[in-house]
Amino acid sequence: MFLRRRVAFSAGHAYWFPDRSEAENRALFGRWASPWGHGHNYVVEVWVAGDVDSSHGMVVNLVDVDKVLKSVVAPLADRHLSYEVPAFRQRPPTLENIAVHIAEEFRTAYAGMAGTLTGVMVRESPTLGVEWLGTETRTMLLTRRLDFAAAHRLHAPSLGDAENAALFGRCNNPHGHGHNYGVEVTISGEPDPVTGMLVDLSAFDEVLEREVMGHFDHKHLNYDVEEFRSVNPTSENLTLAIWRRLEGAIPAPARLHRVVVEETDRNRFEYYGGETA
């Protein structure tokens, strides 16, 4: 059984090495390089796993988890991480390094209590977050969220008009209908030992802009997108199409891990590679 506990804090951080030149810092951190930095409202979530205790029906004592998590986050809150938190004097306070720091501090403070820390998520905005998975390796996950608008008509070319109408109902409307699609692209890899980043975020964003936003945003999937000229543009097939466009385009050494498409707030489709249609 897993228990997830969430907390939030605000802090500033800078992507900048004082002992390197401006040119070197900009080469490492791109447009985010600045000695002054910027700030975020961070969201942190820890995942603690264990067996349900038959005497009290809990997997862990939530009070213990909450107390430890708040004690770990408190020294980071309302601080400039780069200049006021000793842990980030020698390593930049990237999302990846913040997640590792919280994991290390939590495991130390939680030692001897019920359950095992199995994951830490840190999100700096609704569109960017990382996950530390509690493994012995340094592999982490980074997720970027996008939103695009598109229209489609659910119509399977292999079926007749009557069959399509019966199967898809109003979604078979000849003129189509539209959605504000939410897309999450998750990549995996090991953070660079110098920058602390899993991927060059600017390069990753360029790929997403070209392969996802530029290809699907404000399009009628049936008529404007080559992948759906003879394929029914269901959200399942859209998820597969996005995966195929991204699979060979992710900046090395990161790897594509997961693609999620949310058609509405009630429909979510996830794909991790492997068998395809």
Protein backbone atom coordinates (compact mmCIF):
# COMPACT_ATOMS: atom_id res chain seq x y z
CA MET A 1 0.00 0.00 0.00
CA PHE A 2 1.22 3.51 -0.83
CA LEU A 3 0.52 6.73 1.02
CA ARG A 4 1.18 10.01 -0.73
CA ARG A 5 1.57 13.23 1.22
CA ARG A 6 1.87 16.66 -0.36
CA VAL A 7 3.21 19.98 0.84
CA ALA A 8 4.03 23.29 -0.87
CA PHE A 9 6.65 25.97 -0.36
CA SER A 10 7.95 29.09 -2.12
CA ALA A 11 11.61 29.74 -2.88
CA GLY A 12 14.00 31.42 -5.26
CA HIS A 13 16.91 29.81 -7.10
CA ALA A 14 19.60 30.70 -9.61
CA TYR A 15 21.19 28.67 -12.38
CA TRP A 16 24.67 30.16 -12.09
CA PHE A 17 28.13 29.05 -10.98
CA PRO A 18 29.97 32.01 -9.38
CA ASP A 19 33.37 30.53 -10.28
CA ARG A 20 32.52 30.33 -14.01
CA SER A 21 32.33 33.05 -16.61
CA GLU A 22 29.07 34.43 -17.95
CA ALA A 23 29.70 32.68 -21.27
CA GLU A 24 30.24 29.35 -19.50
CA ASN A 25 27.09 29.75 -17.42
CA ARG A 26 25.01 30.61 -20.46
CA ALA A 27 26.42 27.62 -22.31
CA LEU A 28 25.37 25.37 -19.41
CA PHE A 29 21.98 26.85 -18.53
CA GLY A 30 20.84 28.73 -21.65
CA ARG A 31 18.17 31.37 -21.21
CA TRP A 32 17.72 30.45 -17.54
CA ALA A 33 21.29 31.47 -16.65
CA SER A 34 21.23 34.37 -14.17
CA PRO A 35 23.16 35.17 -10.98
CA TRP A 36 19.94 36.52 -9.46
CA GLY A 37 17.62 33.77 -10.59
CA HIS A 38 13.87 33.51 -10.25
CA GLY A 39 11.32 31.85 -7.98
CA HIS A 40 8.58 29.24 -7.86
CA ASN A 41 5.72 27.95 -5.79
CA TYR A 42 6.99 24.39 -5.43
CA VAL A 43 4.77 21.37 -4.77
CA VAL A 44 6.41 18.35 -3.14
CA GLU A 45 4.90 14.91 -2.77
CA VAL A 46 6.45 11.90 -1.02
CA TRP A 47 5.32 8.31 -1.48
CA VAL A 48 5.68 5.95 1.47
CA ALA A 49 4.91 2.24 1.08
CA GLY A 50 4.24 -0.52 3.57
CA ASP A 51 1.80 -3.15 4.76
CA VAL A 52 -1.50 -2.21 6.33
CA ASP A 53 -1.27 -2.73 10.08
CA SER A 54 -4.18 -4.89 11.18
CA SER A 55 -4.33 -3.29 14.62
CA HIS A 56 -5.07 0.26 13.42
CA GLY A 57 -5.77 -0.14 9.69
CA MET A 58 -3.08 2.28 8.50
CA VAL A 59 -0.05 1.70 6.30
CA VAL A 60 1.90 4.39 8.15
CA ASN A 61 1.09 7.07 10.64
CA LEU A 62 0.19 10.11 8.55
CA VAL A 63 1.14 12.39 11.43
CA ASP A 64 4.71 11.05 11.34
CA VAL A 65 4.98 11.45 7.57
CA ASP A 66 3.59 14.96 7.68
CA LYS A 67 5.86 16.02 10.54
CA VAL A 68 8.99 14.73 8.81
CA LEU A 69 8.06 16.16 5.42
CA LYS A 70 7.41 19.61 6.87
CA SER A 71 10.70 19.50 8.80
CA VAL A 72 12.56 18.71 5.57
CA VAL A 73 10.86 21.44 3.56
CA ALA A 74 10.95 24.15 6.25
CA PRO A 75 14.65 25.08 5.67
CA LEU A 76 13.89 25.60 1.96
CA ALA A 77 10.76 27.71 2.34
CA ASP A 78 10.98 31.44 1.68
CA ARG A 79 14.71 31.16 0.95
CA HIS A 80 16.95 31.71 -2.04
CA LEU A 81 18.10 28.13 -2.46
CA SER A 82 21.35 29.00 -4.24
CA TYR A 83 22.64 31.41 -1.60
CA GLU A 84 20.92 30.48 1.65
CA VAL A 85 20.74 26.66 1.64
CA PRO A 86 24.11 24.93 2.18
CA ALA A 87 23.04 21.82 0.22
CA PHE A 88 22.97 23.90 -2.97
CA ARG A 89 26.25 25.71 -2.60
CA GLN A 90 28.03 23.09 -4.72
CA ARG A 91 25.15 21.79 -6.81
CA PRO A 92 22.58 23.93 -8.65
CA PRO A 93 19.03 23.83 -7.24
CA THR A 94 17.43 22.21 -10.26
CA LEU A 95 14.20 20.30 -9.82
CA GLU A 96 16.20 17.10 -10.08
CA ASN A 97 18.63 18.11 -7.33
CA ILE A 98 15.84 19.42 -5.11
CA ALA A 99 14.04 16.06 -5.40
CA VAL A 100 17.21 14.15 -4.50
CA HIS A 101 17.89 16.49 -1.56
CA ILE A 102 14.37 16.05 -0.17
CA ALA A 103 14.64 12.27 -0.60
CA GLU A 104 17.95 12.14 1.25
CA GLU A 105 16.75 14.36 4.08
CA PHE A 106 13.42 12.56 4.41
CA ARG A 107 14.98 9.10 4.54
CA THR A 108 17.38 10.23 7.27
CA ALA A 109 14.68 11.88 9.39
CA TYR A 110 12.19 9.06 8.84
CA ALA A 111 14.57 6.24 9.75
CA GLY A 112 13.07 3.71 12.15
CA MET A 113 9.44 4.60 11.39
CA ALA A 114 6.93 2.38 9.59
CA GLY A 115 7.01 2.22 5.81
CA THR A 116 9.64 2.95 3.17
CA LEU A 117 10.14 6.04 1.05
CA THR A 118 9.62 4.93 -2.56
CA GLY A 119 9.32 8.20 -4.48
CA VAL A 120 9.49 11.99 -4.39
CA MET A 121 7.81 14.33 -6.83
CA VAL A 122 8.72 18.01 -7.10
CA ARG A 123 6.80 20.34 -9.38
CA GLU A 124 7.74 23.97 -9.97
CA SER A 125 4.69 24.78 -12.09
CA PRO A 126 1.66 22.98 -13.56
CA THR A 127 3.73 22.36 -16.71
CA LEU A 128 7.00 21.00 -15.30
CA GLY A 129 7.88 18.44 -12.66
CA VAL A 130 10.29 15.62 -11.84
CA GLU A 131 10.04 12.29 -10.02
CA TRP A 132 12.72 10.53 -7.99
CA LEU A 133 11.79 6.85 -8.00
CA GLY A 134 13.56 5.55 -4.95
CA THR A 135 15.88 3.29 -6.93
CA GLU A 136 19.58 2.70 -6.41
CA THR A 137 20.35 4.30 -9.77
CA ARG A 138 20.24 8.03 -10.52
CA THR A 139 17.48 7.59 -13.11
CA MET A 140 14.70 10.16 -12.77
CA LEU A 141 11.59 11.19 -14.68
CA LEU A 142 10.83 14.67 -15.99
CA THR A 143 7.36 15.62 -17.25
CA ARG A 144 6.43 18.54 -19.43
CA ARG A 145 2.73 19.39 -19.89
CA LEU A 146 1.29 20.97 -23.03
CA ASP A 147 -2.19 22.00 -24.11
CA PHE A 148 -3.46 22.28 -27.66
CA ALA A 149 -6.81 22.74 -29.34
CA ALA A 150 -7.94 20.49 -32.19
CA ALA A 151 -11.04 19.10 -33.86
CA HIS A 152 -11.79 15.53 -34.92
CA ARG A 153 -14.52 13.26 -36.14
CA LEU A 154 -14.61 9.70 -34.86
CA HIS A 155 -15.08 7.68 -38.02
CA ALA A 156 -13.39 4.33 -38.71
CA PRO A 157 -12.63 3.98 -42.46
CA SER A 158 -13.08 0.20 -42.24
CA LEU A 159 -16.72 0.56 -41.13
CA GLY A 160 -19.78 1.72 -43.01
CA ASP A 161 -21.62 4.94 -42.25
CA ALA A 162 -24.38 3.20 -40.30
CA GLU A 163 -21.85 1.22 -38.23
CA ASN A 164 -19.86 4.36 -37.44
CA ALA A 165 -23.00 6.25 -36.43
CA ALA A 166 -24.06 3.40 -34.15
CA LEU A 167 -20.60 3.04 -32.61
CA PHE A 168 -19.64 6.68 -32.09
CA GLY A 169 -23.00 8.45 -31.82
CA ARG A 170 -22.68 12.24 -31.60
CA CYS A 171 -18.90 11.96 -31.97
CA ASN A 172 -19.52 10.80 -35.55
CA ASN A 173 -20.97 14.20 -36.47
CA PRO A 174 -19.83 14.78 -40.10
CA HIS A 175 -18.57 18.25 -39.20
CA GLY A 176 -16.62 16.97 -36.20
CA HIS A 177 -16.19 18.53 -32.78
CA GLY A 178 -13.25 19.83 -30.74
CA HIS A 179 -11.27 19.49 -27.53
CA ASN A 180 -8.65 21.29 -25.53
CA TYR A 181 -6.26 18.36 -25.28
CA GLY A 182 -3.86 18.10 -22.37
CA VAL A 183 -0.62 16.28 -23.19
CA GLU A 184 2.05 15.12 -20.75
CA VAL A 185 5.38 13.97 -22.13
CA THR A 186 7.63 12.17 -19.65
CA ILE A 187 11.28 11.40 -20.30
CA SER A 188 13.73 9.37 -18.23
CA GLY A 189 17.46 9.55 -17.65
CA GLU A 190 20.22 10.49 -15.26
CA PRO A 191 20.81 14.17 -14.44
CA ASP A 192 24.00 15.70 -15.76
CA PRO A 193 26.56 15.77 -12.90
CA VAL A 194 27.46 19.41 -13.65
CA THR A 195 24.16 21.11 -14.46
CA GLY A 196 21.98 18.78 -12.37
CA MET A 197 19.52 18.62 -15.28
CA LEU A 198 18.17 15.50 -16.92
CA VAL A 199 17.92 17.24 -20.30
CA ASP A 200 18.60 20.56 -21.97
CA LEU A 201 15.14 21.95 -21.33
CA SER A 202 15.32 24.44 -24.20
CA ALA A 203 16.15 21.63 -26.64
CA PHE A 204 13.34 19.49 -25.20
CA ASP A 205 10.86 22.36 -25.55
CA GLU A 206 11.92 22.88 -29.17
CA VAL A 207 11.15 19.24 -29.92
CA LEU A 208 7.73 19.49 -28.27
CA GLU A 209 6.94 22.71 -30.12
CA ARG A 210 7.87 21.18 -33.47
CA GLU A 211 6.53 17.64 -33.10
CA VAL A 212 3.43 18.24 -30.98
CA MET A 213 2.27 21.86 -30.96
CA GLY A 214 3.30 22.64 -34.52
CA HIS A 215 1.78 19.43 -35.82
CA PHE A 216 -1.53 19.16 -33.95
CA ASP A 217 -2.46 22.56 -32.47
CA HIS A 218 -5.50 24.25 -34.07
CA LYS A 219 -5.86 21.48 -36.65
CA HIS A 220 -8.70 19.27 -37.76
CA LEU A 221 -7.09 15.91 -37.13
CA ASN A 222 -9.02 14.08 -39.86
CA TYR A 223 -8.12 16.51 -42.64
CA ASP A 224 -5.00 18.44 -41.59
CA VAL A 225 -2.86 15.71 -40.01
CA GLU A 226 -1.25 13.11 -42.26
CA GLU A 227 -1.33 10.36 -39.61
CA PHE A 228 -5.14 10.42 -39.60
CA ARG A 229 -5.92 10.51 -43.31
CA SER A 230 -6.79 6.80 -43.10
CA VAL A 231 -6.80 6.25 -39.31
CA ASN A 232 -9.61 7.06 -36.91
CA PRO A 233 -8.37 9.99 -34.72
CA THR A 234 -9.40 8.55 -31.38
CA SER A 235 -7.47 9.76 -28.35
CA GLU A 236 -5.84 6.33 -28.22
CA ASN A 237 -4.52 6.78 -31.76
CA LEU A 238 -3.55 10.37 -31.00
CA THR A 239 -1.49 9.15 -28.04
CA LEU A 240 0.27 6.64 -30.29
CA ALA A 241 0.86 9.27 -32.98
CA ILE A 242 2.51 11.62 -30.48
CA TRP A 243 4.68 8.79 -29.13
CA ARG A 244 5.86 7.89 -32.64
CA ARG A 245 6.71 11.49 -33.46
CA LEU A 246 8.71 11.92 -30.25
CA GLU A 247 10.36 8.53 -29.81
CA GLY A 248 13.41 9.30 -31.94
CA ALA A 249 13.48 13.04 -31.30
CA ILE A 250 14.16 13.33 -27.55
CA PRO A 251 17.52 15.03 -26.88
CA ALA A 252 20.10 12.43 -25.83
CA PRO A 253 20.84 10.89 -23.45
CA ALA A 254 17.24 11.20 -22.16
CA ARG A 255 14.68 8.64 -23.36
CA LEU A 256 10.94 8.85 -23.94
CA HIS A 257 9.15 7.16 -21.03
CA ARG A 258 5.44 7.99 -21.25
CA VAL A 259 2.90 9.98 -23.27
CA VAL A 260 -0.43 10.99 -21.74
CA VAL A 261 -3.36 12.52 -23.58
CA GLU A 262 -6.30 14.00 -21.68
CA GLU A 263 -9.24 14.47 -24.01
CA THR A 264 -11.43 15.79 -21.19
CA ASP A 265 -11.06 15.90 -17.42
CA ARG A 266 -12.71 12.46 -17.39
CA ASN A 267 -10.74 10.70 -20.14
CA ARG A 268 -7.01 10.05 -19.78
CA PHE A 269 -4.90 7.81 -22.01
CA GLU A 270 -1.34 6.68 -21.16
CA TYR A 271 1.22 4.92 -23.33
CA TYR A 272 4.65 3.58 -22.37
CA GLY A 273 5.83 2.18 -25.69
CA GLY A 274 6.03 -1.46 -26.70
CA GLU A 275 3.11 -2.94 -28.61
CA THR A 276 1.54 -0.52 -31.08
CA ALA A 277 -1.56 -0.59 -33.23
